[in-house]
């Protein structure tokens, strides 16, 4: 009978010890990723390409209508 009480005591102790070993709080969430590339990096090149394309399309339409 004494062995049953000792076995029960050991099991209760081990269950308590196991529950304490489960780890604490979860880690904090990751910070948000940094923003993408700045939009002002190639704005002059984009403007020059758009202007060139606009002039090209204007001349192409005017030569098509003028002929």
PDB file of N, CA and C in Angstrom:
ATOM      1  N   UNK A   1       0.818  -1.183   0.000  1.00  0.00           N
ATOM      2  CA  UNK A   1       0.000   0.000   0.000  1.00  0.00           C
ATOM      3  C   UNK A   1       0.869   1.257   0.000  1.00  0.00           C
ATOM      4  N   UNK A   2       1.961   1.207   0.731  1.00  0.00           N
ATOM      5  CA  UNK A   2       2.886   2.344   0.812  1.00  0.00           C
ATOM      6  C   UNK A   2       3.482   2.642  -0.566  1.00  0.00           C
ATOM      7  N   UNK A   3       3.760   1.603  -1.363  1.00  0.00           N
ATOM      8  CA  UNK A   3       4.349   1.791  -2.683  1.00  0.00           C
ATOM      9  C   UNK A   3       3.396   2.535  -3.625  1.00  0.00           C
ATOM     10  N   UNK A   4       2.090   2.326  -3.467  1.00  0.00           N
ATOM     11  CA  UNK A   4       1.118   3.024  -4.311  1.00  0.00           C
ATOM     12  C   UNK A   4       1.148   4.524  -4.035  1.00  0.00           C
ATOM     13  N   UNK A   5       1.275   4.913  -2.771  1.00  0.00           N
ATOM     14  CA  UNK A   5       1.311   6.327  -2.426  1.00  0.00           C
ATOM     15  C   UNK A   5       2.593   6.990  -2.936  1.00  0.00           C
ATOM     16  N   UNK A   6       3.682   6.263  -2.846  1.00  0.00           N
ATOM     17  CA  UNK A   6       4.955   6.800  -3.345  1.00  0.00           C
ATOM     18  C   UNK A   6       4.900   6.946  -4.864  1.00  0.00           C
ATOM     19  N   UNK A   7       4.365   5.945  -5.526  1.00  0.00           N
ATOM     20  CA  UNK A   7       4.234   6.007  -6.984  1.00  0.00           C
ATOM     21  C   UNK A   7       3.315   7.149  -7.394  1.00  0.00           C
ATOM     22  N   UNK A   8       2.201   7.330  -6.696  1.00  0.00           N
ATOM     23  CA  UNK A   8       1.278   8.425  -7.001  1.00  0.00           C
ATOM     24  C   UNK A   8       1.954   9.776  -6.765  1.00  0.00           C
ATOM     25  N   UNK A   9       2.713   9.900  -5.708  1.00  0.00           N
ATOM     26  CA  UNK A   9       3.421  11.151  -5.409  1.00  0.00           C
ATOM     27  C   UNK A   9       4.443  11.468  -6.492  1.00  0.00           C
ATOM     28  N   UNK A  10       5.161  10.456  -6.926  1.00  0.00           N
ATOM     29  CA  UNK A  10       6.163  10.669  -7.986  1.00  0.00           C
ATOM     30  C   UNK A  10       5.484  11.083  -9.286  1.00  0.00           C
ATOM     31  N   UNK A  11       4.378  10.450  -9.626  1.00  0.00           N
ATOM     32  CA  UNK A  11       3.661  10.807 -10.858  1.00  0.00           C
ATOM     33  C   UNK A  11       3.127  12.235 -10.803  1.00  0.00           C
ATOM     34  N   UNK A  12       2.558  12.641  -9.664  1.00  0.00           N
ATOM     35  CA  UNK A  12       2.066  14.011  -9.520  1.00  0.00           C
ATOM     36  C   UNK A  12       3.223  14.995  -9.652  1.00  0.00           C
ATOM     37  N   UNK A  13       4.357  14.675  -9.052  1.00  0.00           N
ATOM     38  CA  UNK A  13       5.523  15.548  -9.160  1.00  0.00           C
ATOM     39  C   UNK A  13       5.993  15.667 -10.607  1.00  0.00           C
ATOM     40  N   UNK A  14       6.041  14.543 -11.324  1.00  0.00           N
ATOM     41  CA  UNK A  14       6.512  14.574 -12.709  1.00  0.00           C
ATOM     42  C   UNK A  14       5.543  15.313 -13.630  1.00  0.00           C
ATOM     43  N   UNK A  15       4.248  15.186 -13.383  1.00  0.00           N
ATOM     44  CA  UNK A  15       3.271  15.920 -14.189  1.00  0.00           C
ATOM     45  C   UNK A  15       3.436  17.422 -13.964  1.00  0.00           C
ATOM     46  N   UNK A  16       3.617  17.796 -12.714  1.00  0.00           N
ATOM     47  CA  UNK A  16       3.832  19.216 -12.407  1.00  0.00           C
ATOM     48  C   UNK A  16       5.119  19.740 -13.028  1.00  0.00           C
ATOM     49  N   UNK A  17       6.163  18.932 -12.964  1.00  0.00           N
ATOM     50  CA  UNK A  17       7.439  19.340 -13.557  1.00  0.00           C
ATOM     51  C   UNK A  17       7.320  19.464 -15.076  1.00  0.00           C
ATOM     52  N   UNK A  18       6.599  18.539 -15.692  1.00  0.00           N
ATOM     53  CA  UNK A  18       6.412  18.582 -17.146  1.00  0.00           C
ATOM     54  C   UNK A  18       5.608  19.787 -17.590  1.00  0.00           C
ATOM     55  N   UNK A  19       4.639  20.180 -16.788  1.00  0.00           N
ATOM     56  CA  UNK A  19       3.834  21.341 -17.172  1.00  0.00           C
ATOM     57  C   UNK A  19       4.623  22.638 -17.023  1.00  0.00           C
ATOM     58  N   UNK A  20       5.569  22.681 -16.135  1.00  0.00           N
ATOM     59  CA  UNK A  20       6.404  23.875 -15.984  1.00  0.00           C
ATOM     60  C   UNK A  20       7.413  23.997 -17.120  1.00  0.00           C
ATOM     61  N   UNK A  21       7.710  22.902 -17.782  1.00  0.00           N
ATOM     62  CA  UNK A  21       8.719  22.913 -18.836  1.00  0.00           C
ATOM     63  C   UNK A  21       8.113  23.227 -20.200  1.00  0.00           C
ATOM     64  N   UNK A  22       6.863  23.662 -20.251  1.00  0.00           N
ATOM     65  CA  UNK A  22       6.193  23.880 -21.526  1.00  0.00           C
ATOM     66  C   UNK A  22       6.570  25.196 -22.183  1.00  0.00           C
ATOM     67  N   UNK A  23       7.314  26.008 -21.594  1.00  0.00           N
ATOM     68  CA  UNK A  23       7.726  27.256 -22.211  1.00  0.00           C
ATOM     69  C   UNK A  23       6.841  28.395 -21.751  1.00  0.00           C
ATOM     70  N   UNK A  24       7.360  29.573 -21.864  1.00  0.00           N
ATOM     71  CA  UNK A  24       6.648  30.747 -21.382  1.00  0.00           C
ATOM     72  C   UNK A  24       5.756  31.354 -22.447  1.00  0.00           C
ATOM     73  N   UNK A  25       5.884  32.624 -22.568  1.00  0.00           N
ATOM     74  CA  UNK A  25       5.066  33.364 -23.519  1.00  0.00           C
ATOM     75  C   UNK A  25       5.570  33.138 -24.936  1.00  0.00           C
ATOM     76  N   UNK A  26       4.707  33.278 -25.916  1.00  0.00           N
ATOM     77  CA  UNK A  26       5.174  33.117 -27.296  1.00  0.00           C
ATOM     78  C   UNK A  26       6.088  34.281 -27.689  1.00  0.00           C
ATOM     79  N   UNK A  27       6.910  34.086 -28.683  1.00  0.00           N
ATOM     80  CA  UNK A  27       7.813  35.177 -29.089  1.00  0.00           C
ATOM     81  C   UNK A  27       7.012  36.340 -29.668  1.00  0.00           C
ATOM     82  N   UNK A  28       7.550  37.544 -29.600  1.00  0.00           N
ATOM     83  CA  UNK A  28       6.819  38.700 -30.146  1.00  0.00           C
ATOM     84  C   UNK A  28       6.696  38.574 -31.662  1.00  0.00           C
ATOM     85  N   UNK A  29       5.684  39.195 -32.233  1.00  0.00           N
ATOM     86  CA  UNK A  29       5.523  39.099 -33.688  1.00  0.00           C
ATOM     87  C   UNK A  29       6.662  39.793 -34.426  1.00  0.00           C
ATOM     88  N   UNK A  30       6.893  39.346 -35.642  1.00  0.00           N
ATOM     89  CA  UNK A  30       7.959  39.940 -36.453  1.00  0.00           C
ATOM     90  C   UNK A  30       7.579  41.372 -36.832  1.00  0.00           C
ATOM     91  N   UNK A  31       8.556  42.261 -36.935  1.00  0.00           N
ATOM     92  CA  UNK A  31       8.237  43.620 -37.372  1.00  0.00           C
ATOM     93  C   UNK A  31       7.840  43.598 -38.847  1.00  0.00           C
ATOM     94  N   UNK A  32       7.088  44.586 -39.286  1.00  0.00           N
ATOM     95  CA  UNK A  32       6.693  44.598 -40.698  1.00  0.00           C
ATOM     96  C   UNK A  32       7.910  44.773 -41.597  1.00  0.00           C
ATOM     97  N   UNK A  33       7.842  44.268 -42.814  1.00  0.00           N
ATOM     98  CA  UNK A  33       8.990  44.406 -43.711  1.00  0.00           C
ATOM     99  C   UNK A  33       9.208  45.871 -44.078  1.00  0.00           C
ATOM    100  N   UNK A  34      10.410  46.230 -44.466  1.00  0.00           N
ATOM    101  CA  UNK A  34      10.666  47.620 -44.841  1.00  0.00           C
ATOM    102  C   UNK A  34       9.903  47.965 -46.113  1.00  0.00           C
ATOM    103  N   UNK A  35       9.620  49.245 -46.312  1.00  0.00           N
ATOM    104  CA  UNK A  35       8.886  49.633 -47.513  1.00  0.00           C
ATOM    105  C   UNK A  35       9.704  49.343 -48.767  1.00  0.00           C
ATOM    106  N   UNK A  36       9.035  49.299 -49.888  1.00  0.00           N
ATOM    107  CA  UNK A  36       9.699  49.009 -51.156  1.00  0.00           C
ATOM    108  C   UNK A  36      10.621  50.131 -51.609  1.00  0.00           C
ATOM    109  N   UNK A  37      10.996  50.087 -52.843  1.00  0.00           N
ATOM    110  CA  UNK A  37      11.900  51.091 -53.381  1.00  0.00           C
ATOM    111  C   UNK A  37      11.223  52.456 -53.425  1.00  0.00           C
ATOM    112  N   UNK A  38      11.991  53.520 -53.314  1.00  0.00           N
ATOM    113  CA  UNK A  38      11.385  54.850 -53.397  1.00  0.00           C
ATOM    114  C   UNK A  38      10.880  55.113 -54.812  1.00  0.00           C
ATOM    115  N   UNK A  39       9.796  55.860 -54.914  1.00  0.00           N
ATOM    116  CA  UNK A  39       9.215  56.092 -56.233  1.00  0.00           C
ATOM    117  C   UNK A  39       9.911  57.232 -56.977  1.00  0.00           C
ATOM    118  N   UNK A  40      10.739  57.989 -56.295  1.00  0.00           N
ATOM    119  CA  UNK A  40      11.389  59.103 -56.965  1.00  0.00           C
ATOM    120  C   UNK A  40      12.742  58.726 -57.571  1.00  0.00           C
ATOM    121  N   UNK A  41      13.117  57.463 -57.528  1.00  0.00           N
ATOM    122  CA  UNK A  41      14.416  57.048 -58.018  1.00  0.00           C
ATOM    123  C   UNK A  41      14.575  57.208 -59.520  1.00  0.00           C
ATOM    124  N   UNK A  42      13.596  56.856 -60.319  1.00  0.00           N
ATOM    125  CA  UNK A  42      13.715  56.927 -61.764  1.00  0.00           C
ATOM    126  C   UNK A  42      12.635  57.761 -62.399  1.00  0.00           C
ATOM    127  N   UNK A  43      12.128  58.750 -61.678  1.00  0.00           N
ATOM    128  CA  UNK A  43      11.009  59.534 -62.185  1.00  0.00           C
ATOM    129  C   UNK A  43      11.408  60.371 -63.405  1.00  0.00           C
ATOM    130  N   UNK A  44      12.647  60.822 -63.452  1.00  0.00           N
ATOM    131  CA  UNK A  44      13.085  61.624 -64.602  1.00  0.00           C
ATOM    132  C   UNK A  44      13.188  60.735 -65.843  1.00  0.00           C
ATOM    133  N   UNK A  45      13.746  59.537 -65.676  1.00  0.00           N
ATOM    134  CA  UNK A  45      13.835  58.617 -66.809  1.00  0.00           C
ATOM    135  C   UNK A  45      12.445  58.203 -67.274  1.00  0.00           C
ATOM    136  N   UNK A  46      11.543  57.949 -66.356  1.00  0.00           N
ATOM    137  CA  UNK A  46      10.175  57.589 -66.721  1.00  0.00           C
ATOM    138  C   UNK A  46       9.485  58.722 -67.455  1.00  0.00           C
ATOM    139  N   UNK A  47       9.682  59.943 -67.004  1.00  0.00           N
ATOM    140  CA  UNK A  47       9.105  61.103 -67.684  1.00  0.00           C
ATOM    141  C   UNK A  47       9.678  61.252 -69.089  1.00  0.00           C
ATOM    142  N   UNK A  48      10.988  61.050 -69.249  1.00  0.00           N
ATOM    143  CA  UNK A  48      11.609  61.169 -70.574  1.00  0.00           C
ATOM    144  C   UNK A  48      11.085  60.084 -71.515  1.00  0.00           C
ATOM    145  N   UNK A  49      10.928  58.875 -71.021  1.00  0.00           N
ATOM    146  CA  UNK A  49      10.403  57.796 -71.862  1.00  0.00           C
ATOM    147  C   UNK A  49       8.963  58.083 -72.247  1.00  0.00           C
ATOM    148  N   UNK A  50       8.152  58.552 -71.301  1.00  0.00           N
ATOM    149  CA  UNK A  50       6.758  58.864 -71.594  1.00  0.00           C
ATOM    150  C   UNK A  50       6.655  60.011 -72.601  1.00  0.00           C
ATOM    151  N   UNK A  51       7.498  61.020 -72.456  1.00  0.00           N
ATOM    152  CA  UNK A  51       7.486  62.144 -73.400  1.00  0.00           C
ATOM    153  C   UNK A  51       7.902  61.692 -74.790  1.00  0.00           C
ATOM    154  N   UNK A  52       8.915  60.863 -74.882  1.00  0.00           N
ATOM    155  CA  UNK A  52       9.367  60.339 -76.175  1.00  0.00           C
ATOM    156  C   UNK A  52       8.282  59.494 -76.824  1.00  0.00           C
ATOM    157  N   UNK A  53       7.625  58.651 -76.043  1.00  0.00           N
ATOM    158  CA  UNK A  53       6.551  57.820 -76.583  1.00  0.00           C
ATOM    159  C   UNK A  53       5.368  58.678 -77.032  1.00  0.00           C
ATOM    160  N   UNK A  54       5.043  59.699 -76.278  1.00  0.00           N
ATOM    161  CA  UNK A  54       3.955  60.601 -76.662  1.00  0.00           C
ATOM    162  C   UNK A  54       4.258  61.336 -77.961  1.00  0.00           C
ATOM    163  N   UNK A  55       5.485  61.814 -78.107  1.00  0.00           N
ATOM    164  CA  UNK A  55       5.872  62.497 -79.349  1.00  0.00           C
ATOM    165  C   UNK A  55       5.828  61.517 -80.516  1.00  0.00           C
ATOM    166  N   UNK A  56       6.300  60.294 -80.289  1.00  0.00           N
ATOM    167  CA  UNK A  56       6.268  59.266 -81.338  1.00  0.00           C
ATOM    168  C   UNK A  56       4.841  58.980 -81.784  1.00  0.00           C
ATOM    169  N   UNK A  57       3.946  58.782 -80.820  1.00  0.00           N
ATOM    170  CA  UNK A  57       2.555  58.487 -81.166  1.00  0.00           C
ATOM    171  C   UNK A  57       1.894  59.679 -81.861  1.00  0.00           C
ATOM    172  N   UNK A  58       2.217  60.896 -81.450  1.00  0.00           N
ATOM    173  CA  UNK A  58       1.641  62.098 -82.095  1.00  0.00           C
ATOM    174  C   UNK A  58       2.083  62.188 -83.530  1.00  0.00           C
ATOM    175  N   UNK A  59       3.368  62.005 -83.791  1.00  0.00           N
ATOM    176  CA  UNK A  59       3.844  62.051 -85.176  1.00  0.00           C
ATOM    177  C   UNK A  59       3.280  60.910 -86.005  1.00  0.00           C
ATOM    178  N   UNK A  60       3.143  59.760 -85.417  1.00  0.00           N
ATOM    179  CA  UNK A  60       2.604  58.601 -86.149  1.00  0.00           C
ATOM    180  C   UNK A  60       1.145  58.859 -86.513  1.00  0.00           C
ATOM    181  N   UNK A  61       0.346  59.394 -85.596  1.00  0.00           N
ATOM    182  CA  UNK A  61      -1.055  59.699 -85.899  1.00  0.00           C
ATOM    183  C   UNK A  61      -1.174  60.852 -86.904  1.00  0.00           C
ATOM    184  N   UNK A  62      -0.332  61.862 -86.763  1.00  0.00           N
ATOM    185  CA  UNK A  62      -0.435  62.996 -87.688  1.00  0.00           C
ATOM    186  C   UNK A  62       0.011  62.602 -89.084  1.00  0.00           C
ATOM    187  N   UNK A  63       1.004  61.717 -89.204  1.00  0.00           N
ATOM    188  CA  UNK A  63       1.418  61.296 -90.548  1.00  0.00           C
ATOM    189  C   UNK A  63       0.380  60.362 -91.170  1.00  0.00           C
ATOM    190  N   UNK A  64      -0.347  59.618 -90.355  1.00  0.00           N
ATOM    191  CA  UNK A  64      -1.391  58.730 -90.859  1.00  0.00           C
ATOM    192  C   UNK A  64      -2.585  59.553 -91.353  1.00  0.00           C
ATOM    193  N   UNK A  65      -2.952  60.591 -90.617  1.00  0.00           N
ATOM    194  CA  UNK A  65      -4.087  61.440 -91.005  1.00  0.00           C
ATOM    195  C   UNK A  65      -3.718  62.406 -92.114  1.00  0.00           C
ATOM    196  N   UNK A  66      -2.485  62.831 -92.198  1.00  0.00           N
ATOM    197  CA  UNK A  66      -2.043  63.813 -93.187  1.00  0.00           C
ATOM    198  C   UNK A  66      -1.888  63.205 -94.574  1.00  0.00           C
ATOM    199  N   UNK A  67      -1.670  61.925 -94.704  1.00  0.00           N
ATOM    200  CA  UNK A  67      -1.438  61.303 -96.011  1.00  0.00           C
ATOM    201  C   UNK A  67      -2.695  61.065 -96.764  1.00  0.00           C
TER     202      UNK A  67
END
